[in-house]
Amino acid sequence: MDMTHQLLKQVEHEHNELNRRLDEEATEHRKLTALLTHQQATISALVLVLSAILRKLFG
């Protein structure tokens, strides 16, 4: 029984560790997605501004 209990504790520990790692990766994924989304919005805004400037300069 003691061996079974130790094995169960080890499996629970590994399960908790994997959940923690998964949570960390999900957080990192959300941060990177937000960063990329922000960069895309910034690039889109710059393209609009450059287009307007070019239209004014060259008709």
PDB file of N, CA and C in Angstrom:
ATOM      1  N   MET A   1       0.831  -1.194   0.000  1.00  0.00           N
ATOM      2  CA  MET A   1       0.000   0.000   0.000  1.00  0.00           C
ATOM      3  C   MET A   1       0.875   1.256   0.000  1.00  0.00           C
ATOM      4  N   ASP A   2       1.963   1.230   0.739  1.00  0.00           N
ATOM      5  CA  ASP A   2       2.845   2.384   0.816  1.00  0.00           C
ATOM      6  C   ASP A   2       3.432   2.710  -0.560  1.00  0.00           C
ATOM      7  N   MET A   3       3.807   1.690  -1.324  1.00  0.00           N
ATOM      8  CA  MET A   3       4.370   1.885  -2.660  1.00  0.00           C
ATOM      9  C   MET A   3       3.317   2.491  -3.586  1.00  0.00           C
ATOM     10  N   THR A   4       2.098   2.024  -3.479  1.00  0.00           N
ATOM     11  CA  THR A   4       1.009   2.562  -4.295  1.00  0.00           C
ATOM     12  C   THR A   4       0.771   4.032  -3.954  1.00  0.00           C
ATOM     13  N   HIS A   5       0.813   4.350  -2.687  1.00  0.00           N
ATOM     14  CA  HIS A   5       0.619   5.719  -2.242  1.00  0.00           C
ATOM     15  C   HIS A   5       1.736   6.628  -2.773  1.00  0.00           C
ATOM     16  N   GLN A   6       2.966   6.156  -2.721  1.00  0.00           N
ATOM     17  CA  GLN A   6       4.098   6.932  -3.239  1.00  0.00           C
ATOM     18  C   GLN A   6       3.972   7.153  -4.747  1.00  0.00           C
ATOM     19  N   LEU A   7       3.561   6.104  -5.447  1.00  0.00           N
ATOM     20  CA  LEU A   7       3.383   6.216  -6.891  1.00  0.00           C
ATOM     21  C   LEU A   7       2.281   7.216  -7.226  1.00  0.00           C
ATOM     22  N   LEU A   8       1.197   7.173  -6.480  1.00  0.00           N
ATOM     23  CA  LEU A   8       0.104   8.115  -6.684  1.00  0.00           C
ATOM     24  C   LEU A   8       0.576   9.548  -6.446  1.00  0.00           C
ATOM     25  N   LYS A   9       1.344   9.762  -5.393  1.00  0.00           N
ATOM     26  CA  LYS A   9       1.879  11.093  -5.097  1.00  0.00           C
ATOM     27  C   LYS A   9       2.780  11.582  -6.239  1.00  0.00           C
ATOM     28  N   GLN A  10       3.595  10.679  -6.764  1.00  0.00           N
ATOM     29  CA  GLN A  10       4.493  11.049  -7.858  1.00  0.00           C
ATOM     30  C   GLN A  10       3.684  11.426  -9.101  1.00  0.00           C
ATOM     31  N   VAL A  11       2.680  10.661  -9.414  1.00  0.00           N
ATOM     32  CA  VAL A  11       1.842  10.949 -10.577  1.00  0.00           C
ATOM     33  C   VAL A  11       1.111  12.277 -10.381  1.00  0.00           C
ATOM     34  N   GLU A  12       0.606  12.531  -9.190  1.00  0.00           N
ATOM     35  CA  GLU A  12      -0.061  13.798  -8.906  1.00  0.00           C
ATOM     36  C   GLU A  12       0.911  14.970  -9.064  1.00  0.00           C
ATOM     37  N   HIS A  13       2.127  14.796  -8.573  1.00  0.00           N
ATOM     38  CA  HIS A  13       3.137  15.843  -8.700  1.00  0.00           C
ATOM     39  C   HIS A  13       3.443  16.122 -10.174  1.00  0.00           C
ATOM     40  N   GLU A  14       3.638  15.073 -10.958  1.00  0.00           N
ATOM     41  CA  GLU A  14       3.925  15.241 -12.373  1.00  0.00           C
ATOM     42  C   GLU A  14       2.749  15.898 -13.091  1.00  0.00           C
ATOM     43  N   HIS A  15       1.549  15.516 -12.721  1.00  0.00           N
ATOM     44  CA  HIS A  15       0.345  16.114 -13.301  1.00  0.00           C
ATOM     45  C   HIS A  15       0.296  17.610 -12.997  1.00  0.00           C
ATOM     46  N   ASN A  16       0.543  17.971 -11.755  1.00  0.00           N
ATOM     47  CA  ASN A  16       0.542  19.382 -11.373  1.00  0.00           C
ATOM     48  C   ASN A  16       1.635  20.168 -12.096  1.00  0.00           C
ATOM     49  N   GLU A  17       2.802  19.558 -12.229  1.00  0.00           N
ATOM     50  CA  GLU A  17       3.914  20.209 -12.926  1.00  0.00           C
ATOM     51  C   GLU A  17       3.571  20.436 -14.397  1.00  0.00           C
ATOM     52  N   LEU A  18       2.970  19.445 -15.037  1.00  0.00           N
ATOM     53  CA  LEU A  18       2.578  19.600 -16.435  1.00  0.00           C
ATOM     54  C   LEU A  18       1.502  20.676 -16.597  1.00  0.00           C
ATOM     55  N   ASN A  19       0.576  20.738 -15.669  1.00  0.00           N
ATOM     56  CA  ASN A  19      -0.447  21.784 -15.714  1.00  0.00           C
ATOM     57  C   ASN A  19       0.172  23.167 -15.557  1.00  0.00           C
ATOM     58  N   ARG A  20       1.140  23.279 -14.659  1.00  0.00           N
ATOM     59  CA  ARG A  20       1.826  24.557 -14.451  1.00  0.00           C
ATOM     60  C   ARG A  20       2.543  24.988 -15.723  1.00  0.00           C
ATOM     61  N   ARG A  21       3.250  24.052 -16.356  1.00  0.00           N
ATOM     62  CA  ARG A  21       3.965  24.363 -17.592  1.00  0.00           C
ATOM     63  C   ARG A  21       2.998  24.757 -18.709  1.00  0.00           C
ATOM     64  N   LEU A  22       1.884  24.054 -18.779  1.00  0.00           N
ATOM     65  CA  LEU A  22       0.882  24.366 -19.789  1.00  0.00           C
ATOM     66  C   LEU A  22       0.317  25.769 -19.576  1.00  0.00           C
ATOM     67  N   ASP A  23       0.059  26.124 -18.334  1.00  0.00           N
ATOM     68  CA  ASP A  23      -0.425  27.472 -18.016  1.00  0.00           C
ATOM     69  C   ASP A  23       0.599  28.534 -18.406  1.00  0.00           C
ATOM     70  N   GLU A  24       1.879  28.268 -18.124  1.00  0.00           N
ATOM     71  CA  GLU A  24       2.935  29.216 -18.490  1.00  0.00           C
ATOM     72  C   GLU A  24       3.011  29.393 -20.001  1.00  0.00           C
ATOM     73  N   GLU A  25       2.924  28.288 -20.728  1.00  0.00           N
ATOM     74  CA  GLU A  25       2.982  28.362 -22.186  1.00  0.00           C
ATOM     75  C   GLU A  25       1.774  29.095 -22.742  1.00  0.00           C
ATOM     76  N   ALA A  26       0.607  28.875 -22.164  1.00  0.00           N
ATOM     77  CA  ALA A  26      -0.602  29.569 -22.616  1.00  0.00           C
ATOM     78  C   ALA A  26      -0.468  31.070 -22.372  1.00  0.00           C
ATOM     79  N   THR A  27       0.086  31.446 -21.240  1.00  0.00           N
ATOM     80  CA  THR A  27       0.307  32.863 -20.944  1.00  0.00           C
ATOM     81  C   THR A  27       1.269  33.467 -21.952  1.00  0.00           C
ATOM     82  N   GLU A  28       2.345  32.778 -22.245  1.00  0.00           N
ATOM     83  CA  GLU A  28       3.322  33.263 -23.219  1.00  0.00           C
ATOM     84  C   GLU A  28       2.680  33.378 -24.597  1.00  0.00           C
ATOM     85  N   HIS A  29       1.870  32.409 -24.961  1.00  0.00           N
ATOM     86  CA  HIS A  29       1.177  32.430 -26.250  1.00  0.00           C
ATOM     87  C   HIS A  29       0.257  33.649 -26.349  1.00  0.00           C
ATOM     88  N   ARG A  30      -0.475  33.935 -25.277  1.00  0.00           N
ATOM     89  CA  ARG A  30      -1.364  35.102 -25.276  1.00  0.00           C
ATOM     90  C   ARG A  30      -0.563  36.402 -25.421  1.00  0.00           C
ATOM     91  N   LYS A  31       0.584  36.481 -24.737  1.00  0.00           N
ATOM     92  CA  LYS A  31       1.425  37.680 -24.836  1.00  0.00           C
ATOM     93  C   LYS A  31       1.943  37.870 -26.255  1.00  0.00           C
ATOM     94  N   LEU A  32       2.420  36.786 -26.860  1.00  0.00           N
ATOM     95  CA  LEU A  32       2.960  36.876 -28.213  1.00  0.00           C
ATOM     96  C   LEU A  32       1.864  37.213 -29.223  1.00  0.00           C
ATOM     97  N   THR A  33       0.693  36.648 -29.040  1.00  0.00           N
ATOM     98  CA  THR A  33      -0.433  36.956 -29.929  1.00  0.00           C
ATOM     99  C   THR A  33      -0.799  38.426 -29.829  1.00  0.00           C
ATOM    100  N   ALA A  34      -0.844  38.950 -28.610  1.00  0.00           N
ATOM    101  CA  ALA A  34      -1.154  40.375 -28.425  1.00  0.00           C
ATOM    102  C   ALA A  34      -0.089  41.245 -29.074  1.00  0.00           C
ATOM    103  N   LEU A  35       1.164  40.869 -28.923  1.00  0.00           N
ATOM    104  CA  LEU A  35       2.259  41.630 -29.519  1.00  0.00           C
ATOM    105  C   LEU A  35       2.148  41.644 -31.041  1.00  0.00           C
ATOM    106  N   LEU A  36       1.914  40.474 -31.625  1.00  0.00           N
ATOM    107  CA  LEU A  36       1.793  40.400 -33.082  1.00  0.00           C
ATOM    108  C   LEU A  36       0.582  41.180 -33.583  1.00  0.00           C
ATOM    109  N   THR A  37      -0.518  41.095 -32.873  1.00  0.00           N
ATOM    110  CA  THR A  37      -1.720  41.830 -33.264  1.00  0.00           C
ATOM    111  C   THR A  37      -1.458  43.322 -33.226  1.00  0.00           C
ATOM    112  N   HIS A  38      -0.780  43.776 -32.185  1.00  0.00           N
ATOM    113  CA  HIS A  38      -0.443  45.197 -32.065  1.00  0.00           C
ATOM    114  C   HIS A  38       0.476  45.628 -33.203  1.00  0.00           C
ATOM    115  N   GLN A  39       1.460  44.804 -33.524  1.00  0.00           N
ATOM    116  CA  GLN A  39       2.389  45.142 -34.605  1.00  0.00           C
ATOM    117  C   GLN A  39       1.657  45.218 -35.939  1.00  0.00           C
ATOM    118  N   GLN A  40       0.736  44.292 -36.178  1.00  0.00           N
ATOM    119  CA  GLN A  40      -0.025  44.311 -37.431  1.00  0.00           C
ATOM    120  C   GLN A  40      -0.878  45.568 -37.527  1.00  0.00           C
ATOM    121  N   ALA A  41      -1.490  45.963 -36.416  1.00  0.00           N
ATOM    122  CA  ALA A  41      -2.300  47.185 -36.413  1.00  0.00           C
ATOM    123  C   ALA A  41      -1.422  48.404 -36.675  1.00  0.00           C
ATOM    124  N   THR A  42      -0.233  48.421 -36.086  1.00  0.00           N
ATOM    125  CA  THR A  42       0.697  49.531 -36.292  1.00  0.00           C
ATOM    126  C   THR A  42       1.133  49.600 -37.752  1.00  0.00           C
ATOM    127  N   ILE A  43       1.443  48.472 -38.326  1.00  0.00           N
ATOM    128  CA  ILE A  43       1.856  48.431 -39.740  1.00  0.00           C
ATOM    129  C   ILE A  43       0.710  48.897 -40.633  1.00  0.00           C
ATOM    130  N   SER A  44      -0.504  48.453 -40.346  1.00  0.00           N
ATOM    131  CA  SER A  44      -1.663  48.877 -41.136  1.00  0.00           C
ATOM    132  C   SER A  44      -1.852  50.391 -41.052  1.00  0.00           C
ATOM    133  N   ALA A  45      -1.691  50.947 -39.879  1.00  0.00           N
ATOM    134  CA  ALA A  45      -1.828  52.393 -39.709  1.00  0.00           C
ATOM    135  C   ALA A  45      -0.737  53.126 -40.490  1.00  0.00           C
ATOM    136  N   LEU A  46       0.475  52.622 -40.442  1.00  0.00           N
ATOM    137  CA  LEU A  46       1.572  53.251 -41.183  1.00  0.00           C
ATOM    138  C   LEU A  46       1.326  53.202 -42.689  1.00  0.00           C
ATOM    139  N   VAL A  47       0.800  52.085 -43.163  1.00  0.00           N
ATOM    140  CA  VAL A  47       0.502  51.962 -44.589  1.00  0.00           C
ATOM    141  C   VAL A  47      -0.542  53.000 -44.993  1.00  0.00           C
ATOM    142  N   LEU A  48      -1.554  53.184 -44.164  1.00  0.00           N
ATOM    143  CA  LEU A  48      -2.586  54.179 -44.462  1.00  0.00           C
ATOM    144  C   LEU A  48      -1.996  55.587 -44.504  1.00  0.00           C
ATOM    145  N   VAL A  49      -1.148  55.904 -43.556  1.00  0.00           N
ATOM    146  CA  VAL A  49      -0.527  57.229 -43.511  1.00  0.00           C
ATOM    147  C   VAL A  49       0.378  57.435 -44.729  1.00  0.00           C
ATOM    148  N   LEU A  50       1.187  56.451 -45.048  1.00  0.00           N
ATOM    149  CA  LEU A  50       2.074  56.569 -46.213  1.00  0.00           C
ATOM    150  C   LEU A  50       1.277  56.686 -47.503  1.00  0.00           C
ATOM    151  N   SER A  51       0.190  55.960 -47.602  1.00  0.00           N
ATOM    152  CA  SER A  51      -0.660  56.050 -48.795  1.00  0.00           C
ATOM    153  C   SER A  51      -1.227  57.448 -48.941  1.00  0.00           C
ATOM    154  N   ALA A  52      -1.682  58.020 -47.832  1.00  0.00           N
ATOM    155  CA  ALA A  52      -2.234  59.378 -47.867  1.00  0.00           C
ATOM    156  C   ALA A  52      -1.163  60.383 -48.265  1.00  0.00           C
ATOM    157  N   ILE A  53       0.029  60.240 -47.736  1.00  0.00           N
ATOM    158  CA  ILE A  53       1.132  61.146 -48.088  1.00  0.00           C
ATOM    159  C   ILE A  53       1.480  61.023 -49.561  1.00  0.00           C
ATOM    160  N   LEU A  54       1.562  59.800 -50.050  1.00  0.00           N
ATOM    161  CA  LEU A  54       1.896  59.599 -51.459  1.00  0.00           C
ATOM    162  C   LEU A  54       0.809  60.173 -52.381  1.00  0.00           C
ATOM    163  N   ARG A  55      -0.444  60.028 -51.994  1.00  0.00           N
ATOM    164  CA  ARG A  55      -1.537  60.603 -52.779  1.00  0.00           C
ATOM    165  C   ARG A  55      -1.424  62.135 -52.837  1.00  0.00           C
ATOM    166  N   LYS A  56      -1.089  62.729 -51.697  1.00  0.00           N
ATOM    167  CA  LYS A  56      -0.946  64.182 -51.667  1.00  0.00           C
ATOM    168  C   LYS A  56       0.246  64.640 -52.505  1.00  0.00           C
ATOM    169  N   LEU A  57       1.320  63.870 -52.460  1.00  0.00           N
ATOM    170  CA  LEU A  57       2.524  64.255 -53.194  1.00  0.00           C
ATOM    171  C   LEU A  57       2.371  64.033 -54.697  1.00  0.00           C
ATOM    172  N   PHE A  58       1.765  62.935 -55.081  1.00  0.00           N
ATOM    173  CA  PHE A  58       1.752  62.528 -56.477  1.00  0.00           C
ATOM    174  C   PHE A  58       0.364  62.491 -57.102  1.00  0.00           C
ATOM    175  N   GLY A  59      -0.629  62.921 -56.363  1.00  0.00           N
ATOM    176  CA  GLY A  59      -1.993  63.005 -56.897  1.00  0.00           C
ATOM    177  C   GLY A  59      -2.627  61.701 -56.895  1.00  0.00           C
TER     178      GLY A  59
END
